């Protein structure tokens, strides 16, 4: 959803989130589908910015990362 690689750093994730949040924020985008897109972007960021949730997501989807990396 954020368009980042599985090896994305915290900075990459945050940058992608802010760009998409600005694009889809309901206060800035009057399109009816913007709210749903914004919620998806928020959920993706919430998952990828939390190391525990990201590890669970990676394991569930078969994305292996090196121990200690984010």
Protein backbone atom coordinates (compact mmCIF):
# COMPACT_ATOMS: atom_id res chain seq x y z
CA UNK A 1 0.00 0.00 0.00
CA UNK A 2 2.84 2.40 0.78
CA UNK A 3 4.84 1.34 -2.26
CA UNK A 4 8.03 0.61 -0.33
CA UNK A 5 10.39 -2.33 -0.68
CA UNK A 6 10.46 -5.06 1.95
CA UNK A 7 13.89 -3.75 2.93
CA UNK A 8 12.62 -0.18 3.44
CA UNK A 9 14.05 1.79 6.32
CA UNK A 10 11.97 3.62 8.92
CA UNK A 11 12.72 6.85 7.06
CA UNK A 12 11.53 5.37 3.73
CA UNK A 13 8.32 4.15 5.34
CA UNK A 14 7.65 7.48 7.03
CA UNK A 15 8.32 9.44 3.83
CA UNK A 16 5.99 7.22 1.78
CA UNK A 17 3.32 7.49 4.47
CA UNK A 18 3.40 11.29 4.61
CA UNK A 19 3.23 11.61 0.82
CA UNK A 20 0.24 9.27 0.56
CA UNK A 21 -1.48 10.65 3.64
CA UNK A 22 -1.32 14.12 2.15
CA UNK A 23 -2.67 12.81 -1.15
CA UNK A 24 -5.62 10.92 0.36
CA UNK A 25 -6.45 12.88 3.52
CA UNK A 26 -10.21 13.53 3.49
CA UNK A 27 -9.69 17.19 4.43
CA UNK A 28 -7.46 17.68 1.39
CA UNK A 29 -9.06 15.31 -1.13
CA UNK A 30 -12.81 15.64 -1.75
CA UNK A 31 -12.99 12.37 -3.74
CA UNK A 32 -15.35 9.91 -2.05
CA UNK A 33 -12.80 7.09 -2.25
CA UNK A 34 -10.09 9.17 -0.59
CA UNK A 35 -11.21 8.31 2.96
CA UNK A 36 -10.98 4.55 2.29
CA UNK A 37 -7.54 4.97 0.70
CA UNK A 38 -6.40 7.13 3.61
CA UNK A 39 -7.49 4.46 6.10
CA UNK A 40 -5.54 1.81 4.17
CA UNK A 41 -2.46 4.03 4.17
CA UNK A 42 -2.81 4.59 7.92
CA UNK A 43 -3.15 0.87 8.61
CA UNK A 44 -0.11 0.06 6.45
CA UNK A 45 1.97 2.69 8.25
CA UNK A 46 0.80 1.48 11.64
CA UNK A 47 1.90 -2.05 10.75
CA UNK A 48 5.23 -1.21 9.16
CA UNK A 49 6.32 1.41 11.67
CA UNK A 50 5.93 -0.98 14.63
CA UNK A 51 8.76 -3.53 14.66
CA UNK A 52 6.66 -6.27 16.29
CA UNK A 53 3.75 -5.81 13.88
CA UNK A 54 6.14 -5.61 10.94
CA UNK A 55 7.83 -8.88 11.92
CA UNK A 56 4.43 -10.57 12.19
CA UNK A 57 3.45 -9.18 8.78
CA UNK A 58 6.73 -10.24 7.20
CA UNK A 59 6.51 -13.75 8.64
CA UNK A 60 2.88 -14.15 7.59
CA UNK A 61 3.65 -13.04 4.03
CA UNK A 62 6.96 -14.87 3.60
CA UNK A 63 9.18 -11.81 3.69
CA UNK A 64 12.38 -12.76 5.46
CA UNK A 65 14.46 -10.00 6.98
CA UNK A 66 17.79 -10.26 8.71
CA UNK A 67 17.69 -10.38 12.49
CA UNK A 68 17.87 -6.92 14.00
CA UNK A 69 17.13 -5.06 10.78
CA UNK A 70 14.14 -2.85 10.24
